[in-house]
Amino acid sequence: MQIKEQIEGDVVVLSLRGNLMGEPETSEFRDKIKDLVRDGFLKIVLDVSKIKWLNSSGLGALISALATVNNGGGDMRLANVTEKIKSLFMITQLIKVFKTFDTTERAVASFLVDPISGKKTE
């Protein structure tokens, strides 16, 4: 799997490409998330549009990543969620756990808007 990193302000966008189905991909992904949190990046967007295959190990890695970011005081969003991944999230009820957005731009912007007031944050 390939992980491309792009920083937009204080938001890190990780574009994932390939399969997220077990070792070594899941370890590489979890390590990347841990490194970002350790370095103080607490707003993370995952662009999952180029994930070809995702299984239970991949779902576990996504859940682990969300927990790592949340435990560090941050949050994570998923962008460009394909129909295949969306249906997997519906079946597993993970649609209630992950914040998903149609585009990377909307996911990044969601970090800049207060969810309660709807106003921009600084």
PDB file of N, CA and C in Angstrom:
ATOM      1  N   MET A   1       0.836  -1.180   0.000  1.00  0.00           N
ATOM      2  CA  MET A   1       0.000   0.000   0.000  1.00  0.00           C
ATOM      3  C   MET A   1       0.879   1.241   0.000  1.00  0.00           C
ATOM      4  N   GLN A   2       0.404   2.271  -0.673  1.00  0.00           N
ATOM      5  CA  GLN A   2       1.113   3.550  -0.694  1.00  0.00           C
ATOM      6  C   GLN A   2       0.337   4.554   0.148  1.00  0.00           C
ATOM      7  N   ILE A   3       1.070   5.358   0.904  1.00  0.00           N
ATOM      8  CA  ILE A   3       0.465   6.412   1.717  1.00  0.00           C
ATOM      9  C   ILE A   3       1.114   7.724   1.320  1.00  0.00           C
ATOM     10  N   LYS A   4       0.308   8.628   0.784  1.00  0.00           N
ATOM     11  CA  LYS A   4       0.803   9.948   0.394  1.00  0.00           C
ATOM     12  C   LYS A   4       0.307  10.961   1.427  1.00  0.00           C
ATOM     13  N   GLU A   5       1.220  11.769   1.923  1.00  0.00           N
ATOM     14  CA  GLU A   5       0.895  12.749   2.966  1.00  0.00           C
ATOM     15  C   GLU A   5       0.903  14.154   2.396  1.00  0.00           C
ATOM     16  N   GLN A   6      -0.127  14.922   2.757  1.00  0.00           N
ATOM     17  CA  GLN A   6      -0.209  16.327   2.364  1.00  0.00           C
ATOM     18  C   GLN A   6      -0.712  17.113   3.574  1.00  0.00           C
ATOM     19  N   ILE A   7      -0.077  18.240   3.852  1.00  0.00           N
ATOM     20  CA  ILE A   7      -0.476  19.048   5.004  1.00  0.00           C
ATOM     21  C   ILE A   7      -1.185  20.303   4.504  1.00  0.00           C
ATOM     22  N   GLU A   8      -2.390  20.524   5.030  1.00  0.00           N
ATOM     23  CA  GLU A   8      -3.183  21.709   4.694  1.00  0.00           C
ATOM     24  C   GLU A   8      -3.480  22.446   5.996  1.00  0.00           C
ATOM     25  N   GLY A   9      -2.674  23.458   6.302  1.00  0.00           N
ATOM     26  CA  GLY A   9      -2.809  24.157   7.575  1.00  0.00           C
ATOM     27  C   GLY A   9      -2.394  23.214   8.695  1.00  0.00           C
ATOM     28  N   ASP A  10      -3.324  22.958   9.630  1.00  0.00           N
ATOM     29  CA  ASP A  10      -3.019  22.012  10.710  1.00  0.00           C
ATOM     30  C   ASP A  10      -3.721  20.672  10.500  1.00  0.00           C
ATOM     31  N   VAL A  11      -4.174  20.431   9.267  1.00  0.00           N
ATOM     32  CA  VAL A  11      -4.829  19.171   8.921  1.00  0.00           C
ATOM     33  C   VAL A  11      -3.902  18.359   8.018  1.00  0.00           C
ATOM     34  N   VAL A  12      -3.727  17.084   8.345  1.00  0.00           N
ATOM     35  CA  VAL A  12      -2.936  16.187   7.506  1.00  0.00           C
ATOM     36  C   VAL A  12      -3.895  15.326   6.694  1.00  0.00           C
ATOM     37  N   VAL A  13      -3.679  15.309   5.379  1.00  0.00           N
ATOM     38  CA  VAL A  13      -4.470  14.453   4.495  1.00  0.00           C
ATOM     39  C   VAL A  13      -3.576  13.292   4.076  1.00  0.00           C
ATOM     40  N   LEU A  14      -4.034  12.081   4.382  1.00  0.00           N
ATOM     41  CA  LEU A  14      -3.331  10.884   3.953  1.00  0.00           C
ATOM     42  C   LEU A  14      -4.142  10.232   2.850  1.00  0.00           C
ATOM     43  N   SER A  15      -3.546  10.106   1.678  1.00  0.00           N
ATOM     44  CA  SER A  15      -4.195   9.421   0.562  1.00  0.00           C
ATOM     45  C   SER A  15      -3.678   7.991   0.541  1.00  0.00           C
ATOM     46  N   LEU A  16      -4.603   7.044   0.708  1.00  0.00           N
ATOM     47  CA  LEU A  16      -4.241   5.637   0.756  1.00  0.00           C
ATOM     48  C   LEU A  16      -4.504   5.004  -0.603  1.00  0.00           C
ATOM     49  N   ARG A  17      -3.567   4.199  -1.070  1.00  0.00           N
ATOM     50  CA  ARG A  17      -3.715   3.542  -2.368  1.00  0.00           C
ATOM     51  C   ARG A  17      -3.302   2.081  -2.231  1.00  0.00           C
ATOM     52  N   GLY A  18      -4.155   1.200  -2.709  1.00  0.00           N
ATOM     53  CA  GLY A  18      -3.837  -0.231  -2.683  1.00  0.00           C
ATOM     54  C   GLY A  18      -4.794  -0.993  -1.800  1.00  0.00           C
ATOM     55  N   ASN A  19      -4.277  -2.006  -1.133  1.00  0.00           N
ATOM     56  CA  ASN A  19      -5.083  -2.875  -0.286  1.00  0.00           C
ATOM     57  C   ASN A  19      -4.803  -2.608   1.185  1.00  0.00           C
ATOM     58  N   LEU A  20      -5.843  -2.731   2.001  1.00  0.00           N
ATOM     59  CA  LEU A  20      -5.698  -2.648   3.450  1.00  0.00           C
ATOM     60  C   LEU A  20      -6.316  -3.933   3.995  1.00  0.00           C
ATOM     61  N   MET A  21      -5.496  -5.005   3.941  1.00  0.00           N
ATOM     62  CA  MET A  21      -6.033  -6.332   4.220  1.00  0.00           C
ATOM     63  C   MET A  21      -5.191  -7.155   5.182  1.00  0.00           C
ATOM     64  N   GLY A  22      -4.268  -6.580   5.860  1.00  0.00           N
ATOM     65  CA  GLY A  22      -3.431  -7.361   6.770  1.00  0.00           C
ATOM     66  C   GLY A  22      -2.006  -6.879   6.708  1.00  0.00           C
ATOM     67  N   GLU A  23      -1.114  -7.714   7.192  1.00  0.00           N
ATOM     68  CA  GLU A  23       0.299  -7.350   7.212  1.00  0.00           C
ATOM     69  C   GLU A  23       0.880  -7.384   5.801  1.00  0.00           C
ATOM     70  N   PRO A  24       1.822  -6.520   5.477  1.00  0.00           N
ATOM     71  CA  PRO A  24       2.406  -5.464   6.306  1.00  0.00           C
ATOM     72  C   PRO A  24       1.658  -4.136   6.202  1.00  0.00           C
ATOM     73  N   GLU A  25       0.600  -4.086   5.358  1.00  0.00           N
ATOM     74  CA  GLU A  25      -0.094  -2.810   5.119  1.00  0.00           C
ATOM     75  C   GLU A  25      -0.677  -2.210   6.401  1.00  0.00           C
ATOM     76  N   THR A  26      -1.330  -3.045   7.219  1.00  0.00           N
ATOM     77  CA  THR A  26      -1.990  -2.495   8.398  1.00  0.00           C
ATOM     78  C   THR A  26      -0.977  -1.946   9.405  1.00  0.00           C
ATOM     79  N   SER A  27       0.163  -2.629   9.554  1.00  0.00           N
ATOM     80  CA  SER A  27       1.204  -2.138  10.479  1.00  0.00           C
ATOM     81  C   SER A  27       1.786  -0.824   9.986  1.00  0.00           C
ATOM     82  N   GLU A  28       2.037  -0.754   8.703  1.00  0.00           N
ATOM     83  CA  GLU A  28       2.583   0.469   8.102  1.00  0.00           C
ATOM     84  C   GLU A  28       1.614   1.643   8.316  1.00  0.00           C
ATOM     85  N   PHE A  29       0.330   1.383   8.112  1.00  0.00           N
ATOM     86  CA  PHE A  29      -0.690   2.411   8.288  1.00  0.00           C
ATOM     87  C   PHE A  29      -0.777   2.849   9.750  1.00  0.00           C
ATOM     88  N   ARG A  30      -0.867   1.883  10.668  1.00  0.00           N
ATOM     89  CA  ARG A  30      -0.962   2.230  12.099  1.00  0.00           C
ATOM     90  C   ARG A  30       0.276   3.004  12.558  1.00  0.00           C
ATOM     91  N   ASP A  31       1.455   2.592  12.090  1.00  0.00           N
ATOM     92  CA  ASP A  31       2.692   3.299  12.460  1.00  0.00           C
ATOM     93  C   ASP A  31       2.666   4.741  11.960  1.00  0.00           C
ATOM     94  N   LYS A  32       2.162   4.957  10.756  1.00  0.00           N
ATOM     95  CA  LYS A  32       2.068   6.308  10.194  1.00  0.00           C
ATOM     96  C   LYS A  32       1.173   7.185  11.073  1.00  0.00           C
ATOM     97  N   ILE A  33       0.027   6.644  11.484  1.00  0.00           N
ATOM     98  CA  ILE A  33      -0.903   7.392  12.343  1.00  0.00           C
ATOM     99  C   ILE A  33      -0.245   7.705  13.684  1.00  0.00           C
ATOM    100  N   LYS A  34       0.401   6.730  14.286  1.00  0.00           N
ATOM    101  CA  LYS A  34       1.087   6.950  15.578  1.00  0.00           C
ATOM    102  C   LYS A  34       2.158   8.031  15.459  1.00  0.00           C
ATOM    103  N   ASP A  35       2.916   8.002  14.364  1.00  0.00           N
ATOM    104  CA  ASP A  35       3.957   9.011  14.139  1.00  0.00           C
ATOM    105  C   ASP A  35       3.349  10.409  14.034  1.00  0.00           C
ATOM    106  N   LEU A  36       2.243  10.522  13.310  1.00  0.00           N
ATOM    107  CA  LEU A  36       1.590  11.834  13.155  1.00  0.00           C
ATOM    108  C   LEU A  36       1.112  12.367  14.496  1.00  0.00           C
ATOM    109  N   VAL A  37       0.465  11.515  15.287  1.00  0.00           N
ATOM    110  CA  VAL A  37      -0.042  11.946  16.594  1.00  0.00           C
ATOM    111  C   VAL A  37       1.123  12.323  17.502  1.00  0.00           C
ATOM    112  N   ARG A  38       2.170  11.523  17.490  1.00  0.00           N
ATOM    113  CA  ARG A  38       3.360  11.825  18.312  1.00  0.00           C
ATOM    114  C   ARG A  38       3.962  13.172  17.935  1.00  0.00           C
ATOM    115  N   ASP A  39       3.900  13.505  16.637  1.00  0.00           N
ATOM    116  CA  ASP A  39       4.449  14.772  16.152  1.00  0.00           C
ATOM    117  C   ASP A  39       3.484  15.946  16.320  1.00  0.00           C
ATOM    118  N   GLY A  40       2.313  15.693  16.920  1.00  0.00           N
ATOM    119  CA  GLY A  40       1.380  16.770  17.223  1.00  0.00           C
ATOM    120  C   GLY A  40       0.326  17.037  16.166  1.00  0.00           C
ATOM    121  N   PHE A  41       0.222  16.185  15.150  1.00  0.00           N
ATOM    122  CA  PHE A  41      -0.821  16.349  14.140  1.00  0.00           C
ATOM    123  C   PHE A  41      -2.064  15.606  14.617  1.00  0.00           C
ATOM    124  N   LEU A  42      -3.095  16.362  14.984  1.00  0.00           N
ATOM    125  CA  LEU A  42      -4.275  15.766  15.608  1.00  0.00           C
ATOM    126  C   LEU A  42      -5.534  15.897  14.763  1.00  0.00           C
ATOM    127  N   LYS A  43      -5.408  16.461  13.578  1.00  0.00           N
ATOM    128  CA  LYS A  43      -6.533  16.558  12.649  1.00  0.00           C
ATOM    129  C   LYS A  43      -6.120  15.804  11.389  1.00  0.00           C
ATOM    130  N   ILE A  44      -6.728  14.646  11.192  1.00  0.00           N
ATOM    131  CA  ILE A  44      -6.303  13.774  10.095  1.00  0.00           C
ATOM    132  C   ILE A  44      -7.493  13.415   9.215  1.00  0.00           C
ATOM    133  N   VAL A  45      -7.284  13.547   7.908  1.00  0.00           N
ATOM    134  CA  VAL A  45      -8.274  13.132   6.917  1.00  0.00           C
ATOM    135  C   VAL A  45      -7.668  11.981   6.119  1.00  0.00           C
ATOM    136  N   LEU A  46      -8.417  10.889   6.005  1.00  0.00           N
ATOM    137  CA  LEU A  46      -7.987   9.763   5.177  1.00  0.00           C
ATOM    138  C   LEU A  46      -8.790   9.774   3.888  1.00  0.00           C
ATOM    139  N   ASP A  47      -8.088   9.910   2.772  1.00  0.00           N
ATOM    140  CA  ASP A  47      -8.718   9.799   1.456  1.00  0.00           C
ATOM    141  C   ASP A  47      -8.661   8.321   1.091  1.00  0.00           C
ATOM    142  N   VAL A  48      -9.823   7.657   1.104  1.00  0.00           N
ATOM    143  CA  VAL A  48      -9.874   6.210   0.889  1.00  0.00           C
ATOM    144  C   VAL A  48     -10.371   5.843  -0.516  1.00  0.00           C
ATOM    145  N   SER A  49     -10.387   6.812  -1.421  1.00  0.00           N
ATOM    146  CA  SER A  49     -10.925   6.577  -2.767  1.00  0.00           C
ATOM    147  C   SER A  49     -10.128   5.559  -3.564  1.00  0.00           C
ATOM    148  N   LYS A  50      -8.856   5.370  -3.240  1.00  0.00           N
ATOM    149  CA  LYS A  50      -8.003   4.474  -4.020  1.00  0.00           C
ATOM    150  C   LYS A  50      -7.721   3.150  -3.308  1.00  0.00           C
ATOM    151  N   ILE A  51      -8.484   2.870  -2.239  1.00  0.00           N
ATOM    152  CA  ILE A  51      -8.346   1.565  -1.594  1.00  0.00           C
ATOM    153  C   ILE A  51      -9.101   0.554  -2.448  1.00  0.00           C
ATOM    154  N   LYS A  52      -8.370  -0.470  -2.909  1.00  0.00           N
ATOM    155  CA  LYS A  52      -8.978  -1.482  -3.778  1.00  0.00           C
ATOM    156  C   LYS A  52      -9.720  -2.537  -2.970  1.00  0.00           C
ATOM    157  N   TRP A  53      -9.068  -3.040  -1.924  1.00  0.00           N
ATOM    158  CA  TRP A  53      -9.654  -4.095  -1.103  1.00  0.00           C
ATOM    159  C   TRP A  53      -9.491  -3.754   0.372  1.00  0.00           C
ATOM    160  N   LEU A  54     -10.525  -4.059   1.130  1.00  0.00           N
ATOM    161  CA  LEU A  54     -10.531  -3.797   2.564  1.00  0.00           C
ATOM    162  C   LEU A  54     -11.219  -4.977   3.231  1.00  0.00           C
ATOM    163  N   ASN A  55     -10.551  -5.599   4.211  1.00  0.00           N
ATOM    164  CA  ASN A  55     -11.174  -6.712   4.919  1.00  0.00           C
ATOM    165  C   ASN A  55     -11.246  -6.396   6.411  1.00  0.00           C
ATOM    166  N   SER A  56     -11.509  -7.412   7.230  1.00  0.00           N
ATOM    167  CA  SER A  56     -11.658  -7.187   8.666  1.00  0.00           C
ATOM    168  C   SER A  56     -10.375  -6.646   9.297  1.00  0.00           C
ATOM    169  N   SER A  57      -9.222  -7.075   8.801  1.00  0.00           N
ATOM    170  CA  SER A  57      -7.954  -6.530   9.317  1.00  0.00           C
ATOM    171  C   SER A  57      -7.830  -5.050   8.982  1.00  0.00           C
ATOM    172  N   GLY A  58      -8.249  -4.683   7.782  1.00  0.00           N
ATOM    173  CA  GLY A  58      -8.232  -3.282   7.372  1.00  0.00           C
ATOM    174  C   GLY A  58      -9.194  -2.447   8.200  1.00  0.00           C
ATOM    175  N   LEU A  59     -10.387  -2.998   8.451  1.00  0.00           N
ATOM    176  CA  LEU A  59     -11.351  -2.294   9.303  1.00  0.00           C
ATOM    177  C   LEU A  59     -10.782  -2.109  10.705  1.00  0.00           C
ATOM    178  N   GLY A  60     -10.123  -3.149  11.205  1.00  0.00           N
ATOM    179  CA  GLY A  60      -9.489  -3.056  12.518  1.00  0.00           C
ATOM    180  C   GLY A  60      -8.422  -1.979  12.553  1.00  0.00           C
ATOM    181  N   ALA A  61      -7.666  -1.853  11.461  1.00  0.00           N
ATOM    182  CA  ALA A  61      -6.624  -0.823  11.385  1.00  0.00           C
ATOM    183  C   ALA A  61      -7.246   0.575  11.381  1.00  0.00           C
ATOM    184  N   LEU A  62      -8.369   0.739  10.684  1.00  0.00           N
ATOM    185  CA  LEU A  62      -9.058   2.036  10.674  1.00  0.00           C
ATOM    186  C   LEU A  62      -9.585   2.383  12.068  1.00  0.00           C
ATOM    187  N   ILE A  63     -10.164   1.399  12.749  1.00  0.00           N
ATOM    188  CA  ILE A  63     -10.679   1.621  14.105  1.00  0.00           C
ATOM    189  C   ILE A  63      -9.524   1.953  15.050  1.00  0.00           C
ATOM    190  N   SER A  64      -8.429   1.223  14.924  1.00  0.00           N
ATOM    191  CA  SER A  64      -7.245   1.477  15.748  1.00  0.00           C
ATOM    192  C   SER A  64      -6.699   2.883  15.508  1.00  0.00           C
ATOM    193  N   ALA A  65      -6.677   3.295  14.241  1.00  0.00           N
ATOM    194  CA  ALA A  65      -6.189   4.640  13.905  1.00  0.00           C
ATOM    195  C   ALA A  65      -7.081   5.705  14.540  1.00  0.00           C
ATOM    196  N   LEU A  66      -8.394   5.514  14.439  1.00  0.00           N
ATOM    197  CA  LEU A  66      -9.319   6.479  15.038  1.00  0.00           C
ATOM    198  C   LEU A  66      -9.105   6.560  16.549  1.00  0.00           C
ATOM    199  N   ALA A  67      -8.938   5.411  17.195  1.00  0.00           N
ATOM    200  CA  ALA A  67      -8.707   5.390  18.642  1.00  0.00           C
ATOM    201  C   ALA A  67      -7.399   6.095  19.000  1.00  0.00           C
ATOM    202  N   THR A  68      -6.355   5.857  18.229  1.00  0.00           N
ATOM    203  CA  THR A  68      -5.059   6.496  18.475  1.00  0.00           C
ATOM    204  C   THR A  68      -5.178   8.015  18.390  1.00  0.00           C
ATOM    205  N   VAL A  69      -5.851   8.486  17.343  1.00  0.00           N
ATOM    206  CA  VAL A  69      -6.013   9.939  17.156  1.00  0.00           C
ATOM    207  C   VAL A  69      -6.893  10.521  18.259  1.00  0.00           C
ATOM    208  N   ASN A  70      -8.002   9.872  18.565  1.00  0.00           N
ATOM    209  CA  ASN A  70      -8.901  10.355  19.625  1.00  0.00           C
ATOM    210  C   ASN A  70      -8.208  10.370  20.984  1.00  0.00           C
ATOM    211  N   ASN A  71      -7.451   9.314  21.286  1.00  0.00           N
ATOM    212  CA  ASN A  71      -6.733   9.252  22.571  1.00  0.00           C
ATOM    213  C   ASN A  71      -5.663  10.323  22.671  1.00  0.00           C
ATOM    214  N   GLY A  72      -5.166  10.789  21.532  1.00  0.00           N
ATOM    215  CA  GLY A  72      -4.183  11.865  21.513  1.00  0.00           C
ATOM    216  C   GLY A  72      -4.816  13.244  21.591  1.00  0.00           C
ATOM    217  N   GLY A  73      -6.159  13.287  21.621  1.00  0.00           N
ATOM    218  CA  GLY A  73      -6.871  14.560  21.711  1.00  0.00           C
ATOM    219  C   GLY A  73      -7.297  15.114  20.365  1.00  0.00           C
ATOM    220  N   GLY A  74      -7.213  14.301  19.321  1.00  0.00           N
ATOM    221  CA  GLY A  74      -7.568  14.772  17.987  1.00  0.00           C
ATOM    222  C   GLY A  74      -8.781  14.069  17.415  1.00  0.00           C
ATOM    223  N   ASP A  75      -8.935  14.175  16.102  1.00  0.00           N
ATOM    224  CA  ASP A  75     -10.046  13.527  15.423  1.00  0.00           C
ATOM    225  C   ASP A  75      -9.623  13.163  14.004  1.00  0.00           C
ATOM    226  N   MET A  76     -10.346  12.223  13.433  1.00  0.00           N
ATOM    227  CA  MET A  76     -10.034  11.727  12.105  1.00  0.00           C
ATOM    228  C   MET A  76     -11.319  11.674  11.286  1.00  0.00           C
ATOM    229  N   ARG A  77     -11.200  12.020  10.000  1.00  0.00           N
ATOM    230  CA  ARG A  77     -12.326  11.974   9.064  1.00  0.00           C
ATOM    231  C   ARG A  77     -11.945  11.084   7.889  1.00  0.00           C
ATOM    232  N   LEU A  78     -12.946  10.516   7.228  1.00  0.00           N
ATOM    233  CA  LEU A  78     -12.729   9.740   6.008  1.00  0.00           C
ATOM    234  C   LEU A  78     -13.345  10.497   4.844  1.00  0.00           C
ATOM    235  N   ALA A  79     -12.615  10.561   3.754  1.00  0.00           N
ATOM    236  CA  ALA A  79     -13.081  11.290   2.572  1.00  0.00           C
ATOM    237  C   ALA A  79     -13.107  10.371   1.359  1.00  0.00           C
ATOM    238  N   ASN A  80     -13.982  10.717   0.417  1.00  0.00           N
ATOM    239  CA  ASN A  80     -14.092   9.977  -0.841  1.00  0.00           C
ATOM    240  C   ASN A  80     -14.377   8.496  -0.601  1.00  0.00           C
ATOM    241  N   VAL A  81     -15.322   8.239   0.288  1.00  0.00           N
ATOM    242  CA  VAL A  81     -15.672   6.870   0.643  1.00  0.00           C
ATOM    243  C   VAL A  81     -16.428   6.233  -0.520  1.00  0.00           C
ATOM    244  N   THR A  82     -15.897   5.140  -1.031  1.00  0.00           N
ATOM    245  CA  THR A  82     -16.515   4.454  -2.173  1.00  0.00           C
ATOM    246  C   THR A  82     -17.776   3.716  -1.724  1.00  0.00           C
ATOM    247  N   GLU A  83     -18.598   3.354  -2.685  1.00  0.00           N
ATOM    248  CA  GLU A  83     -19.820   2.608  -2.374  1.00  0.00           C
ATOM    249  C   GLU A  83     -19.491   1.286  -1.700  1.00  0.00           C
ATOM    250  N   LYS A  84     -18.420   0.637  -2.134  1.00  0.00           N
ATOM    251  CA  LYS A  84     -18.008  -0.650  -1.558  1.00  0.00           C
ATOM    252  C   LYS A  84     -17.682  -0.488  -0.072  1.00  0.00           C
ATOM    253  N   ILE A  85     -16.908   0.549   0.264  1.00  0.00           N
ATOM    254  CA  ILE A  85     -16.548   0.782   1.664  1.00  0.00           C
ATOM    255  C   ILE A  85     -17.766   1.241   2.455  1.00  0.00           C
ATOM    256  N   LYS A  86     -18.581   2.085   1.848  1.00  0.00           N
ATOM    257  CA  LYS A  86     -19.783   2.568   2.522  1.00  0.00           C
ATOM    258  C   LYS A  86     -20.708   1.409   2.885  1.00  0.00           C
ATOM    259  N   SER A  87     -20.877   0.460   1.977  1.00  0.00           N
ATOM    260  CA  SER A  87     -21.758  -0.677   2.272  1.00  0.00           C
ATOM    261  C   SER A  87     -21.148  -1.553   3.367  1.00  0.00           C
ATOM    262  N   LEU A  88     -19.820  -1.686   3.380  1.00  0.00           N
ATOM    263  CA  LEU A  88     -19.145  -2.420   4.442  1.00  0.00           C
ATOM    264  C   LEU A  88     -19.363  -1.725   5.791  1.00  0.00           C
ATOM    265  N   PHE A  89     -19.300  -0.408   5.789  1.00  0.00           N
ATOM    266  CA  PHE A  89     -19.553   0.365   7.009  1.00  0.00           C
ATOM    267  C   PHE A  89     -21.003   0.223   7.464  1.00  0.00           C
ATOM    268  N   MET A  90     -21.930   0.146   6.530  1.00  0.00           N
ATOM    269  CA  MET A  90     -23.343  -0.021   6.886  1.00  0.00           C
ATOM    270  C   MET A  90     -23.563  -1.387   7.550  1.00  0.00           C
ATOM    271  N   ILE A  91     -23.004  -2.428   6.950  1.00  0.00           N
ATOM    272  CA  ILE A  91     -23.166  -3.789   7.473  1.00  0.00           C
ATOM    273  C   ILE A  91     -22.575  -3.912   8.870  1.00  0.00           C
ATOM    274  N   THR A  92     -21.418  -3.315   9.080  1.00  0.00           N
ATOM    275  CA  THR A  92     -20.710  -3.427  10.363  1.00  0.00           C
ATOM    276  C   THR A  92     -21.121  -2.350  11.371  1.00  0.00           C
ATOM    277  N   GLN A  93     -22.005  -1.452  10.966  1.00  0.00           N
ATOM    278  CA  GLN A  93     -22.457  -0.333  11.796  1.00  0.00           C
ATOM    279  C   GLN A  93     -21.352   0.682  12.079  1.00  0.00           C
ATOM    280  N   LEU A  94     -20.239   0.599  11.354  1.00  0.00           N
ATOM    281  CA  LEU A  94     -19.148   1.568  11.530  1.00  0.00           C
ATOM    282  C   LEU A  94     -19.503   2.920  10.933  1.00  0.00           C
ATOM    283  N   ILE A  95     -20.587   2.985  10.180  1.00  0.00           N
ATOM    284  CA  ILE A  95     -21.059   4.263   9.638  1.00  0.00           C
ATOM    285  C   ILE A  95     -21.394   5.223  10.784  1.00  0.00           C
ATOM    286  N   LYS A  96     -21.703   4.648  11.965  1.00  0.00           N
ATOM    287  CA  LYS A  96     -22.018   5.459  13.147  1.00  0.00           C
ATOM    288  C   LYS A  96     -20.757   5.909  13.883  1.00  0.00           C
ATOM    289  N   VAL A  97     -19.621   5.288  13.551  1.00  0.00           N
ATOM    290  CA  VAL A  97     -18.369   5.553  14.258  1.00  0.00           C
ATOM    291  C   VAL A  97     -17.512   6.572  13.515  1.00  0.00           C
ATOM    292  N   PHE A  98     -17.428   6.416  12.188  1.00  0.00           N
ATOM    293  CA  PHE A  98     -16.566   7.275  11.383  1.00  0.00           C
ATOM    294  C   PHE A  98     -17.332   8.459  10.808  1.00  0.00           C
ATOM    295  N   LYS A  99     -16.680   9.615  10.794  1.00  0.00           N
ATOM    296  CA  LYS A  99     -17.220  10.801  10.120  1.00  0.00           C
ATOM    297  C   LYS A  99     -16.763  10.723   8.677  1.00  0.00           C
ATOM    298  N   THR A 100     -17.719  10.602   7.758  1.00  0.00           N
ATOM    299  CA  THR A 100     -17.372  10.445   6.347  1.00  0.00           C
ATOM    300  C   THR A 100     -17.841  11.646   5.537  1.00  0.00           C
ATOM    301  N   PHE A 101     -17.072  11.959   4.498  1.00  0.00           N
ATOM    302  CA  PHE A 101     -17.364  13.104   3.641  1.00  0.00           C
ATOM    303  C   PHE A 101     -17.188  12.702   2.186  1.00  0.00           C
ATOM    304  N   ASP A 102     -17.941  13.363   1.314  1.00  0.00           N
ATOM    305  CA  ASP A 102     -17.897  13.047  -0.114  1.00  0.00           C
ATOM    306  C   ASP A 102     -16.592  13.482  -0.762  1.00  0.00           C
ATOM    307  N   THR A 103     -15.973  14.535  -0.234  1.00  0.00           N
ATOM    308  CA  THR A 103     -14.726  15.031  -0.830  1.00  0.00           C
ATOM    309  C   THR A 103     -13.698  15.310   0.267  1.00  0.00           C
ATOM    310  N   THR A 104     -12.443  15.331  -0.142  1.00  0.00           N
ATOM    311  CA  THR A 104     -11.366  15.674   0.781  1.00  0.00           C
ATOM    312  C   THR A 104     -11.521  17.109   1.261  1.00  0.00           C
ATOM    313  N   GLU A 105     -11.915  17.998   0.345  1.00  0.00           N
ATOM    314  CA  GLU A 105     -12.077  19.413   0.699  1.00  0.00           C
ATOM    315  C   GLU A 105     -13.110  19.599   1.805  1.00  0.00           C
ATOM    316  N   ARG A 106     -14.222  18.878   1.713  1.00  0.00           N
ATOM    317  CA  ARG A 106     -15.259  18.989   2.757  1.00  0.00           C
ATOM    318  C   ARG A 106     -14.773  18.424   4.083  1.00  0.00           C
ATOM    319  N   ALA A 107     -14.021  17.337   4.012  1.00  0.00           N
ATOM    320  CA  ALA A 107     -13.495  16.734   5.236  1.00  0.00           C
ATOM    321  C   ALA A 107     -12.525  17.688   5.925  1.00  0.00           C
ATOM    322  N   VAL A 108     -11.642  18.306   5.152  1.00  0.00           N
ATOM    323  CA  VAL A 108     -10.699  19.279   5.715  1.00  0.00           C
ATOM    324  C   VAL A 108     -11.466  20.467   6.291  1.00  0.00           C
ATOM    325  N   ALA A 109     -12.431  20.976   5.537  1.00  0.00           N
ATOM    326  CA  ALA A 109     -13.216  22.128   5.992  1.00  0.00           C
ATOM    327  C   ALA A 109     -13.991  21.822   7.269  1.00  0.00           C
ATOM    328  N   SER A 110     -14.377  20.561   7.468  1.00  0.00           N
ATOM    329  CA  SER A 110     -15.152  20.205   8.666  1.00  0.00           C
ATOM    330  C   SER A 110     -14.364  20.455   9.947  1.00  0.00           C
ATOM    331  N   PHE A 111     -13.043  20.443   9.854  1.00  0.00           N
ATOM    332  CA  PHE A 111     -12.219  20.751  11.021  1.00  0.00           C
ATOM    333  C   PHE A 111     -12.229  22.240  11.329  1.00  0.00           C
ATOM    334  N   LEU A 112     -12.638  23.053  10.373  1.00  0.00           N
ATOM    335  CA  LEU A 112     -12.603  24.499  10.538  1.00  0.00           C
ATOM    336  C   LEU A 112     -13.941  25.082  10.961  1.00  0.00           C
ATOM    337  N   VAL A 113     -14.957  24.219  11.106  1.00  0.00           N
ATOM    338  CA  VAL A 113     -16.293  24.675  11.459  1.00  0.00           C
ATOM    339  C   VAL A 113     -16.705  24.029  12.767  1.00  0.00           C
ATOM    340  N   ASP A 114     -17.197  24.834  13.705  1.00  0.00           N
ATOM    341  CA  ASP A 114     -17.697  24.325  14.970  1.00  0.00           C
ATOM    342  C   ASP A 114     -18.956  23.507  14.696  1.00  0.00           C
ATOM    343  N   PRO A 115     -18.998  22.245  15.140  1.00  0.00           N
ATOM    344  CA  PRO A 115     -20.137  21.385  14.830  1.00  0.00           C
ATOM    345  C   PRO A 115     -21.450  21.846  15.459  1.00  0.00           C
ATOM    346  N   ILE A 116     -21.373  22.596  16.544  1.00  0.00           N
ATOM    347  CA  ILE A 116     -22.589  23.028  17.232  1.00  0.00           C
ATOM    348  C   ILE A 116     -23.113  24.343  16.651  1.00  0.00           C
ATOM    349  N   SER A 117     -22.238  25.334  16.557  1.00  0.00           N
ATOM    350  CA  SER A 117     -22.693  26.634  16.078  1.00  0.00           C
ATOM    351  C   SER A 117     -22.700  26.743  14.551  1.00  0.00           C
ATOM    352  N   GLY A 118     -21.877  25.897  13.894  1.00  0.00           N
ATOM    353  CA  GLY A 118     -21.759  25.978  12.442  1.00  0.00           C
ATOM    354  C   GLY A 118     -20.867  27.112  11.990  1.00  0.00           C
ATOM    355  N   LYS A 119     -20.211  27.778  12.955  1.00  0.00           N
ATOM    356  CA  LYS A 119     -19.344  28.906  12.616  1.00  0.00           C
ATOM    357  C   LYS A 119     -17.906  28.454  12.478  1.00  0.00           C
ATOM    358  N   LYS A 120     -17.143  29.219  11.694  1.00  0.00           N
ATOM    359  CA  LYS A 120     -15.730  28.929  11.511  1.00  0.00           C
ATOM    360  C   LYS A 120     -14.987  29.061  12.828  1.00  0.00           C
ATOM    361  N   THR A 121     -14.028  28.147  13.009  1.00  0.00           N
ATOM    362  CA  THR A 121     -13.173  28.230  14.187  1.00  0.00           C
ATOM    363  C   THR A 121     -11.824  28.788  13.778  1.00  0.00           C
ATOM    364  N   GLU A 122     -11.061  29.227  14.716  1.00  0.00           N
ATOM    365  CA  GLU A 122      -9.734  29.798  14.424  1.00  0.00           C
ATOM    366  C   GLU A 122      -8.679  28.729  14.532  1.00  0.00           C
TER     367      GLU A 122
END
